Every structure is written in C-alpha cells, then in structure tokens.
Protein backbone atom coordinates (compact mmCIF):
# COMPACT_ATOMS: atom_id res chain seq x y z
CA MET A 1 -0.06 -0.16 0.07
CA GLU A 2 1.06 3.42 -0.54
CA VAL A 3 -0.28 6.69 0.91
CA LEU A 4 -1.40 9.15 -2.13
CA GLN A 5 -1.83 12.67 -1.79
CA ASP A 6 -5.22 13.66 -2.31
CA THR A 7 -7.82 16.37 -1.54
CA TYR A 8 -10.58 15.79 0.92
CA ARG A 9 -14.00 16.73 1.86
CA THR A 10 -16.04 16.39 5.09
CA ILE A 11 -19.25 14.16 4.71
CA ASN A 12 -21.91 13.10 7.21
CA PHE A 13 -22.84 9.44 7.43
CA GLY A 14 -25.46 8.78 10.32
CA PRO A 15 -24.09 10.34 13.57
CA LYS A 16 -20.48 10.87 12.48
CA GLU A 17 -18.55 13.05 10.08
CA TYR A 18 -15.63 11.53 7.72
CA GLU A 19 -12.86 13.23 5.47
CA VAL A 20 -13.09 11.40 2.48
CA PRO A 21 -11.42 12.00 -1.01
CA ASN A 22 -12.89 14.62 -3.47
CA GLU A 23 -13.15 11.70 -6.19
CA TRP A 24 -14.86 9.21 -4.38
CA LYS A 25 -18.73 9.02 -5.18
CA ILE A 26 -21.66 8.83 -2.59
CA LEU A 27 -24.26 6.39 -4.59
CA LYS A 28 -27.66 4.69 -3.22
CA ILE A 29 -28.72 1.25 -3.35
CA LYS A 30 -31.98 1.92 -5.08
CA GLU A 31 -29.62 3.69 -7.97
CA THR A 32 -26.98 0.95 -8.46
CA SER A 33 -28.60 -2.37 -7.47
CA THR A 34 -31.55 -4.51 -7.31
CA LEU A 35 -32.79 -5.87 -3.71
CA LYS A 36 -34.90 -8.74 -3.65
CA GLY A 37 -36.29 -11.01 -1.24
CA ARG A 38 -38.95 -13.94 -0.78
CA ILE A 39 -42.16 -12.20 -1.26
CA GLY A 40 -44.90 -12.80 1.52
CA TRP A 41 -47.67 -14.09 -0.38
CA GLN A 42 -45.42 -17.27 -1.28
CA GLY A 43 -45.90 -18.41 2.19
CA LEU A 44 -43.12 -20.50 2.47
CA THR A 45 -43.15 -22.17 5.67
CA THR A 46 -40.80 -24.26 7.98
CA LYS A 47 -42.71 -27.26 7.37
CA GLU A 48 -41.39 -27.23 3.94
CA TYR A 49 -37.86 -27.27 4.81
CA LEU A 50 -36.13 -30.52 3.84
CA LYS A 51 -33.24 -32.17 5.36
CA GLU A 52 -32.28 -33.45 1.85
CA GLY A 53 -32.84 -32.29 -1.71
CA ASP A 54 -31.80 -30.80 -4.91
CA TYR A 55 -32.58 -27.10 -4.37
CA PHE A 56 -30.39 -25.27 -1.21
CA LEU A 57 -32.69 -23.07 1.05
CA ILE A 58 -30.64 -20.24 2.49
CA THR A 59 -31.66 -18.85 5.99
CA GLY A 60 -30.02 -16.32 8.23
CA THR A 61 -28.93 -19.00 10.36
CA ASP A 62 -26.82 -20.48 7.54
CA PHE A 63 -24.57 -17.31 7.64
CA LYS A 64 -20.81 -18.14 8.89
CA ASN A 65 -17.99 -15.96 8.66
CA GLY A 66 -19.30 -14.22 5.91
CA ARG A 67 -20.04 -17.39 3.62
CA ILE A 68 -22.80 -19.63 3.49
CA ASP A 69 -22.38 -23.01 5.64
CA TRP A 70 -23.90 -25.32 2.93
CA GLU A 71 -23.56 -28.49 5.17
CA ASN A 72 -26.19 -27.11 7.43
CA CYS A 73 -28.50 -25.88 4.76
CA HIS A 74 -31.90 -27.08 4.36
CA PHE A 75 -33.80 -27.83 1.07
CA VAL A 76 -36.69 -27.12 -0.75
CA ASP A 77 -38.55 -28.68 -3.65
CA GLN A 78 -38.41 -27.67 -7.41
CA ASP A 79 -41.69 -26.08 -7.18
CA ARG A 80 -40.74 -23.68 -4.39
CA PHE A 81 -37.18 -23.17 -6.05
CA ASP A 82 -38.88 -22.18 -9.50
CA GLN A 83 -41.50 -19.77 -8.10
CA ASP A 84 -39.15 -16.79 -8.06
CA ALA A 85 -36.30 -16.69 -10.32
CA LYS A 86 -35.22 -13.35 -8.95
CA ILE A 87 -34.09 -14.71 -5.68
CA GLN A 88 -32.26 -17.90 -7.27
CA ILE A 89 -28.86 -17.40 -6.11
CA LYS A 90 -25.55 -17.36 -8.24
CA LYS A 91 -21.86 -16.63 -7.84
CA ASN A 92 -20.96 -13.00 -6.44
CA ASP A 93 -24.33 -12.65 -5.00
CA ILE A 94 -24.54 -10.63 -1.86
CA LEU A 95 -26.96 -11.74 1.06
CA ILE A 96 -28.06 -9.61 3.85
CA THR A 97 -30.31 -10.77 6.90
CA LYS A 98 -33.65 -8.69 7.24
CA ASP A 99 -35.32 -10.47 10.02
CA GLY A 100 -34.15 -11.76 13.39
CA THR A 101 -30.12 -10.76 13.79
CA ILE A 102 -30.74 -8.22 11.02
CA GLY A 103 -27.47 -7.02 9.02
CA LYS A 104 -25.73 -10.08 8.71
CA VAL A 105 -23.70 -10.08 5.34
CA ALA A 106 -22.37 -13.08 3.47
CA ILE A 107 -21.21 -13.15 -0.26
CA ILE A 108 -21.57 -16.20 -2.61
CA ALA A 109 -17.55 -16.61 -3.25
CA SER A 110 -17.95 -19.66 -5.66
CA GLU A 111 -20.44 -21.65 -7.74
CA LEU A 112 -22.80 -23.34 -6.01
CA SER A 113 -22.65 -27.24 -6.11
CA LYS A 114 -26.72 -27.19 -6.17
CA PRO A 115 -29.36 -24.46 -7.17
CA GLY A 116 -30.31 -22.25 -4.35
CA THR A 117 -32.83 -19.79 -3.23
CA LEU A 118 -33.92 -17.74 -0.41
CA ASN A 119 -36.35 -18.14 2.64
CA SER A 120 -38.56 -14.88 3.62
CA GLY A 121 -35.57 -13.57 6.10
CA VAL A 122 -32.56 -12.79 3.57
CA PHE A 123 -32.20 -10.22 0.83
CA VAL A 124 -29.84 -10.95 -2.15
CA LEU A 125 -28.39 -7.79 -3.57
CA ARG A 126 -26.63 -7.31 -6.93
CA PRO A 127 -25.21 -4.46 -9.01
CA THR A 128 -27.15 -3.28 -11.85
CA ASN A 129 -24.06 -1.44 -13.47
CA LYS A 130 -20.29 -1.23 -12.91
CA ASP A 131 -20.51 1.30 -9.94
CA TYR A 132 -19.13 -1.24 -7.45
CA LEU A 133 -17.64 -4.74 -7.31
CA PRO A 134 -19.42 -7.46 -5.26
CA ILE A 135 -16.50 -7.94 -3.27
CA PHE A 136 -15.90 -4.56 -2.50
CA MET A 137 -19.86 -4.14 -1.42
CA TYR A 138 -19.35 -7.03 0.77
CA TYR A 139 -16.70 -5.55 2.86
CA TYR A 140 -18.27 -2.07 2.68
CA LEU A 141 -21.29 -3.88 4.27
CA ASN A 142 -19.23 -5.74 7.04
CA SER A 143 -17.87 -2.14 7.72
CA PHE A 144 -18.64 0.30 10.66
CA PHE A 145 -20.75 2.18 8.00
CA PHE A 146 -23.32 -0.31 7.64
CA SER A 147 -23.36 -1.32 11.25
CA SER A 148 -24.18 2.11 12.27
CA PHE A 149 -27.10 2.26 9.79
CA ILE A 150 -28.25 -1.05 11.37
CA SER A 151 -27.86 0.32 14.81
CA GLN A 152 -30.05 3.26 13.96
CA ILE A 153 -32.86 0.99 12.49
CA LYS A 154 -32.66 -1.23 15.57
CA ALA A 155 -32.75 1.75 17.94
CA GLY A 156 -36.01 3.23 15.98
CA SER A 157 -38.19 0.01 16.48
CA THR A 158 -38.99 -2.81 19.23
CA ILE A 159 -39.01 -5.51 16.52
CA ALA A 160 -35.90 -5.60 14.51
CA HIS A 161 -36.52 -5.87 10.80
CA LEU A 162 -34.68 -4.32 7.79
CA TYR A 163 -37.31 -3.16 5.19
CA GLN A 164 -36.72 -2.98 1.71
CA LYS A 165 -37.82 0.74 1.29
CA ASP A 166 -35.11 1.49 4.15
CA PHE A 167 -32.23 -0.41 2.87
CA GLU A 168 -32.74 0.99 -0.74
CA LYS A 169 -32.26 4.62 0.42
CA TYR A 170 -29.09 3.56 2.01
CA THR A 171 -26.13 5.66 0.70
CA PHE A 172 -22.65 4.28 0.38
CA LEU A 173 -18.82 5.64 -0.67
CA VAL A 174 -17.09 4.36 -3.52
CA PRO A 175 -13.86 4.89 -5.08
CA SER A 176 -12.78 3.74 -8.68
CA ILE A 177 -13.42 0.35 -9.74
CA GLN A 178 -9.56 -0.29 -9.91
CA GLU A 179 -9.32 0.95 -6.37
CA GLN A 180 -12.21 -1.04 -5.19
CA GLN A 181 -10.46 -4.14 -6.65
CA LYS A 182 -7.16 -3.36 -4.58
CA ILE A 183 -8.87 -2.68 -1.40
CA ALA A 184 -10.90 -5.95 -1.74
CA ASP A 185 -7.71 -7.77 -2.53
CA ILE A 186 -5.62 -6.52 0.80
CA LEU A 187 -8.82 -7.43 2.78
CA SER A 188 -9.41 -10.62 1.13
CA THR A 189 -5.74 -11.56 2.12
CA VAL A 190 -6.08 -10.85 5.72
CA ASP A 191 -9.22 -12.92 5.62
CA GLU A 192 -7.30 -15.87 4.09
CA GLN A 193 -5.03 -15.64 6.92
CA ILE A 194 -7.87 -15.54 9.43
CA SER A 195 -9.55 -18.51 7.61
CA THR A 196 -6.41 -20.43 8.01
CA THR A 197 -5.96 -19.60 11.50
CA VAL A 198 -9.40 -20.58 12.40
CA LYS A 199 -8.63 -24.05 10.60
CA ILE A 200 -5.55 -24.58 12.79
CA ILE A 201 -7.32 -23.78 16.14
CA LYS A 202 -10.06 -26.33 15.00
CA LYS A 203 -7.68 -28.91 14.08
CA SER A 204 -5.58 -28.32 17.34
CA LYS A 205 -8.84 -28.59 19.47
CA GLU A 206 -9.55 -31.90 17.42
CA LEU A 207 -6.30 -33.17 18.34
CA LYS A 208 -6.24 -32.25 22.04
CA LYS A 209 -9.79 -34.05 22.17
CA GLY A 210 -8.20 -37.15 21.14
CA LEU A 211 -5.22 -36.50 23.09
CA MET A 212 -7.41 -36.30 26.28
CA GLN A 213 -9.42 -39.44 25.34
CA LYS A 214 -6.05 -41.22 24.79
CA LEU A 215 -4.29 -39.96 28.54
CA PHE A 216 -7.55 -40.61 30.37
CA SER A 217 -7.94 -44.02 29.05
CA GLU A 218 -4.44 -45.17 28.87
CA GLY A 219 -2.18 -43.07 30.48
CA ILE A 220 1.60 -42.74 29.71
CA GLY A 221 3.47 -46.01 29.36
CA HIS A 222 1.20 -48.46 30.75
CA THR A 223 0.98 -52.20 29.59
CA GLU A 224 -1.66 -53.69 32.08
CA PHE A 225 -5.22 -52.50 32.18
CA LYS A 226 -8.51 -53.39 34.10
CA ASP A 227 -12.30 -52.82 33.06
CA THR A 228 -14.05 -50.62 35.09
CA LYS A 229 -17.74 -48.80 35.17
CA ILE A 230 -16.24 -46.09 33.10
CA GLY A 231 -14.14 -48.29 30.99
CA ARG A 232 -10.84 -49.86 30.50
CA ILE A 233 -8.14 -47.91 32.34
CA PRO A 234 -4.34 -48.83 33.52
CA LYS A 235 -4.37 -51.46 36.27
CA ASP A 236 -2.92 -49.29 38.98
CA TRP A 237 -5.10 -46.27 38.48
CA ASP A 238 -7.87 -45.47 41.38
CA LEU A 239 -11.48 -44.49 40.67
CA LEU A 240 -12.78 -41.55 42.71
CA SER A 241 -15.85 -39.40 42.27
CA VAL A 242 -15.26 -35.51 41.77
CA ASP A 243 -16.92 -34.95 45.43
CA LYS A 244 -14.13 -37.16 46.92
CA CYS A 245 -11.40 -35.30 44.97
CA ILE A 246 -12.14 -31.57 46.24
CA LEU A 247 -11.96 -29.80 49.57
CA LYS A 248 -15.63 -29.55 51.33
CA LYS A 249 -15.96 -25.66 51.38
CA LYS A 250 -18.71 -23.40 50.24
CA PHE A 251 -18.76 -23.16 46.36
CA SER A 252 -21.11 -20.41 45.41
CA VAL A 253 -19.28 -17.36 46.38
CA GLY A 254 -20.08 -15.28 43.73
CA LYS A 255 -21.54 -11.50 44.09
CA ILE A 256 -22.20 -9.38 41.17
CA PRO A 257 -20.03 -6.25 41.70
CA LYS A 258 -21.57 -2.62 41.19
CA LYS A 259 -21.10 -0.97 37.99
CA GLU A 260 -18.58 1.30 39.05
CA TYR A 261 -16.22 -1.64 39.82
CA PHE A 262 -16.26 -2.55 35.94
CA LYS A 263 -13.55 -0.33 34.84
CA GLU A 264 -9.71 -1.20 33.86
CA GLY A 265 -7.74 -2.71 36.66
CA SER A 266 -5.49 -5.29 37.49
CA PHE A 267 -8.17 -8.18 39.04
CA PRO A 268 -10.34 -9.77 36.38
CA ILE A 269 -14.10 -10.28 37.16
CA ILE A 270 -14.90 -13.86 36.38
CA ASP A 271 -18.70 -15.11 35.69
CA GLN A 272 -19.56 -18.45 34.38
CA SER A 273 -20.01 -17.48 30.60
CA LYS A 274 -17.58 -19.07 27.92
CA THR A 275 -15.32 -15.97 28.00
CA PHE A 276 -15.49 -15.91 31.92
CA ILE A 277 -13.65 -12.33 32.43
CA ILE A 278 -16.37 -9.79 32.20
CA GLY A 279 -14.28 -6.76 33.33
CA TYR A 280 -11.55 -5.70 35.33
CA SER A 281 -11.18 -3.88 38.70
CA ASN A 282 -8.72 -2.67 41.08
CA HIS A 283 -10.92 -3.36 44.34
CA SER A 284 -8.82 -5.39 45.97
CA GLU A 285 -11.30 -6.20 48.95
CA LEU A 286 -13.56 -8.12 46.32
CA LEU A 287 -10.80 -10.72 45.58
CA TYR A 288 -11.53 -14.28 46.03
CA ASN A 289 -9.51 -15.28 49.13
CA GLY A 290 -9.31 -18.98 48.65
CA ASN A 291 -5.97 -20.60 47.52
CA LEU A 292 -4.51 -20.43 43.88
CA PRO A 293 -4.63 -21.92 41.45
CA ALA A 294 -8.36 -22.64 41.36
CA ILE A 295 -10.92 -24.05 39.37
CA ILE A 296 -13.86 -22.32 38.02
CA TYR A 297 -16.91 -23.97 37.41
CA GLY A 298 -20.48 -22.60 35.84
CA ASP A 299 -23.19 -24.40 37.69
CA HIS A 300 -25.84 -22.88 35.15
CA THR A 301 -23.69 -22.98 31.93
CA ASN A 302 -21.44 -26.20 32.57
CA HIS A 303 -18.21 -23.98 31.66
CA VAL A 304 -14.89 -24.88 33.33
CA LYS A 305 -11.64 -22.70 33.67
CA TYR A 306 -8.37 -22.93 35.31
CA VAL A 307 -7.46 -19.74 37.03
CA ASN A 308 -3.97 -19.14 38.77
CA GLN A 309 -4.25 -15.31 39.19
CA PRO A 310 -6.00 -13.15 41.87
CA PHE A 311 -9.71 -12.93 40.57
CA ILE A 312 -13.07 -11.25 41.52
CA CYS A 313 -16.07 -13.84 41.49
CA GLY A 314 -18.72 -11.81 39.80
CA ALA A 315 -21.67 -13.89 39.54
CA ASP A 316 -24.18 -16.31 41.56
CA GLY A 317 -23.79 -19.87 40.60
CA VAL A 318 -19.67 -19.62 40.09
CA LYS A 319 -18.30 -22.80 41.89
CA ILE A 320 -14.59 -22.41 43.21
CA ILE A 321 -13.41 -25.82 43.09
CA GLN A 322 -10.05 -26.70 44.92
CA PRO A 323 -8.76 -30.44 45.00
CA LEU A 324 -7.23 -32.18 47.97
CA ASP A 325 -3.68 -31.40 48.42
CA GLU A 326 -2.53 -34.75 47.29
CA LEU A 327 -3.86 -34.10 43.84
CA ASP A 328 -2.51 -31.74 41.21
CA ASN A 329 -4.75 -29.10 40.78
CA LYS A 330 -4.33 -28.76 36.69
CA PHE A 331 -4.74 -32.77 36.28
CA ILE A 332 -8.16 -32.24 38.29
CA TYR A 333 -9.16 -29.32 35.92
CA TYR A 334 -8.59 -31.44 32.90
CA SER A 335 -10.26 -34.42 34.49
CA ILE A 336 -13.26 -32.32 35.23
CA LEU A 337 -13.12 -30.78 31.71
CA TYR A 338 -13.04 -34.33 30.31
CA ARG A 339 -15.76 -35.82 32.49
CA LYS A 340 -18.24 -32.82 33.12
CA PRO A 341 -21.78 -33.20 32.25
CA GLN A 342 -22.34 -33.44 28.34
CA SER A 343 -25.93 -31.54 28.49
CA GLU A 344 -26.10 -27.81 29.02
CA GLY A 345 -29.90 -28.08 29.51
CA TYR A 346 -29.56 -28.55 33.42
CA ARG A 347 -30.08 -25.44 35.64
CA ARG A 348 -27.70 -26.88 38.23
CA HIS A 349 -24.70 -28.93 36.82
CA PHE A 350 -22.55 -29.08 39.92
CA SER A 351 -24.73 -31.72 41.41
CA ILE A 352 -24.31 -34.07 38.50
CA LEU A 353 -20.42 -33.13 38.17
CA LYS A 354 -19.75 -33.99 41.99
CA GLU A 355 -20.95 -37.88 40.89
CA LYS A 356 -18.82 -37.99 38.09
CA ILE A 357 -15.85 -40.60 38.62
CA LEU A 358 -12.40 -39.46 37.84
CA CYS A 359 -9.20 -41.84 36.90
CA ILE A 360 -6.57 -41.27 39.33
CA PRO A 361 -3.01 -42.17 38.83
CA THR A 362 0.06 -41.33 40.76
CA PHE A 363 1.11 -37.86 41.43
CA ALA A 364 4.06 -37.75 39.16
CA GLU A 365 1.84 -39.15 36.40
CA GLN A 366 -0.82 -36.50 37.12
CA GLN A 367 1.71 -33.84 36.52
CA GLU A 368 3.09 -35.40 33.31
CA ILE A 369 -0.55 -35.64 31.83
CA ALA A 370 -1.35 -32.20 32.93
CA SER A 371 1.99 -30.92 31.45
CA ILE A 372 1.08 -32.43 27.89
CA LEU A 373 -2.20 -30.91 27.81
CA SER A 374 -0.95 -27.58 29.04
CA GLU A 375 1.36 -27.63 26.03
CA ALA A 376 -1.62 -28.34 23.50
CA ASP A 377 -3.48 -25.57 25.22
CA ALA A 378 -0.67 -23.16 24.74
CA LYS A 379 -0.57 -23.93 20.92
CA ILE A 380 -4.18 -23.22 20.73
CA GLU A 381 -3.86 -20.06 22.81
CA LYS A 382 -0.88 -19.08 20.67
CA GLU A 383 -3.13 -19.50 17.25
CA GLN A 384 -6.03 -17.78 19.14
CA THR A 385 -3.87 -14.72 19.75
CA GLN A 386 -2.79 -14.89 16.37
CA LYS A 387 -6.75 -14.39 15.14
CA THR A 388 -7.34 -11.84 17.35
CA HIS A 389 -4.29 -9.77 16.04
CA LEU A 390 -5.35 -10.19 12.33
CA GLU A 391 -9.24 -9.47 13.12
CA ALA A 392 -7.72 -6.22 14.95
CA LEU A 393 -5.74 -5.53 11.79
CA LYS A 394 -8.63 -6.07 9.38
CA LYS A 395 -10.79 -3.74 11.48
CA GLY A 396 -7.86 -0.94 11.30
CA LEU A 397 -7.74 -1.48 7.57
CA MET A 398 -11.16 -1.08 6.75
CA GLN A 399 -11.57 1.91 8.97
CA GLN A 400 -8.39 3.38 6.90
CA LEU A 401 -9.23 1.94 3.20
CA LEU A 402 -13.02 2.43 3.43
CA THR A 403 -12.61 6.09 4.23
CA GLY A 404 -9.74 6.86 1.72
CA LYS A 405 -7.66 7.77 4.85
CA LYS A 406 -4.93 5.39 3.40
CA ARG A 407 -5.13 5.12 -0.55
CA VAL A 408 -4.02 2.40 -2.64
CA LYS A 409 -1.71 2.68 -5.88
CA VAL A 410 -3.49 1.40 -8.63
C-alpha cells in the first residue's frame, strides 16, 4: 500500500463526519442495485424445509464468517425453487439478513454445487451497472458504516426488521473500480489468513480432544489394564468421584459487583460464561481469598476454567473448586473438563458433576498428563492470539481503506 496525496471533503454518514477523497462517489442502493427477497404471499413455511434435496434453501442461520454454511443448509422442492427466479442464487451475490439478527452479510464466493434460493428472512443484492464490485460491497457492508446504519434501525423499533424501502435509501461511498479491487484484494488476503488460523485452531482442538481421550484411558507407558464402570484404564489407577477429590467448602461465592467496579484494573472479574472474564477492577477487597490456582465451574452453564491469578468472582452460581492437597490441581481441572456433564440443558450442573468418576494415577503421572495437555492448550492459545491480532488488523485496515484515509496505488 502507498499513501497518496489527495484533496478531501467532509461528509456525514449517520451521526459521524468523515474526511473522504473528493473523487469518491456517494451512491444509493436503489440507483445502483437490485434488492430482492422472498415475497410474503409466497408463504414458505418451516414445514417445507427439507433435510435433503436438490435445491438449497438459504436462511439467516446459515451465515458463517461471511459465507454460507452449505453443510447445514435445508432444502426445498423444485416448485418452491422455480417459484421466484429473482431470488435464485448465483456466484457473487451478496446476501443480507432482514429479520431476526438483521444486517448479517455474506457473499456467494464460488459457484453453487446445487441450485439455491432464499427464505423470507434474507435479501439478495446485485449491482445493476459497474458502479461497484460485489466483493467491495461485501466488505463495505461488513464495515462500521453499515453497522451504524443497522444500529439506527434497531434503535427506532421494538421489532428488528430491515425493510426494503429503508435499505434502498442506504447511501455508500465508492472509489474507482480499480481502487475497489485493490482494497478488496488487501482485505481478502487478511481474511484468508484468518480463515487459515481458524482451521488450525479447529484442528488443534480436535487433536487435544483425541489426546485427552487417550491419556485418560491409557495413561503414559502402561501395559496392564483393567475394566471398570467407566471403561478400560491402567491397572494401578484408582477411581474417585469428583466429590471425593475436592475440599468441602462453600462453593457458591459469587456476588455481582456494582457497575462502578467494571473499569480498567489489575484483577479480572469472572462469571460463568464461556469467556469468563467480564471486566477488570482494582477493588482488592472483592478478591477471592481462597487458595490459588483454583478451578472455576459454572453451575448454570457447565463451563470450566483454570485460574492461577487473583480474581473477583462476579456472579452467583460460580463454583470455586479446590482439589485435595495430594492431587495435582491442573490434572483435576483437565479431568473435570473431560468428564463434565454433556448436556447444557440443566440448571444445576454441579450436583451432577460431583458424582462423576475420575481416574486417578500417581501424582507424578498426574503432573505429566497435565503438562502434555497444557502444552496443547498453549498452542491453541497462540493461534487464538494470532486470530485476534489479524481481526484487529482487518478492522483497522477497513477503517482506513474504506474512508480513503489510506489510499492504494492503482
């Protein structure tokens, strides 16, 4: 990329002002595009969604990372597909959700393996002339410009719906076709790196899952085994319930901090969600005063986390689990992660978890198993950090490239 000298003008997009190149055009969807959706009188119902078939039916739930998750798509019969040629999907179509979670965007990046159509919750957008490239518009609709537009629509209605008449009035900013292509190429390159990283993370998690299954059934270097009620395990291993492996203390210690505590600070505020950390605080009087490391378990959510730093327990239903002194904390964490209840439909998971049976090897083998799994986690964390970095890079590039703050040489 090269920063070019240019003259700029100030424009208003929603509540904000932007300095943009003079030569860039401001266009409307209605003037440059066709926007089509399944018409209400066609009356397609979920009873007509097929698990198998020859004609894809694309719904808003099939949008995944800007593409369509074809493996989980439903199907419709030929009559429903033939009913409306205007929503028969093809390569380079841009799709936007107009019901439910409105404003999600996907692009049909390649030829379809089977013909496809839309349900009533999705628009298809196509250029009518050469004002914009579909791939450029895809990135533009994934930017802060469009998200601001969607936020204004949500703020003005109790029921989220993107009406065609409103979307057709949407204005957008475009450089030359050549510059659009350069911008799309740059962002596509970052997207490819993100996609590769996501695949590596997925593969690493699969390998970790297989590693856990092997380690918790075969151990390390064993040749003699025995059959137990939870399966075949090394002969010299013991079986203990979770309840027999942990200290008997009051587990539910969470108390939701006041709003003013949710500020930048040194101590993470932990709840029982998948992300666990919901804020930071410097209010040391709220710190968990038990031993560290500790195992955090969400009674309502069935999520588990290993914590080895001072923290604030920020929600009722969070269980602080401390293994007995003769057991390795991290081994018990991985054991609970492996043996926790499978369903997330319960309200109280901990009562079920306490009855789960764990395999207990010698302390030395516990540490060795924990070390192997920690190494696997470190690799996953490294890739997740890389993914976060790439996503931040993409966000910054979109902010600069789509406003013309940073120009590309064409």
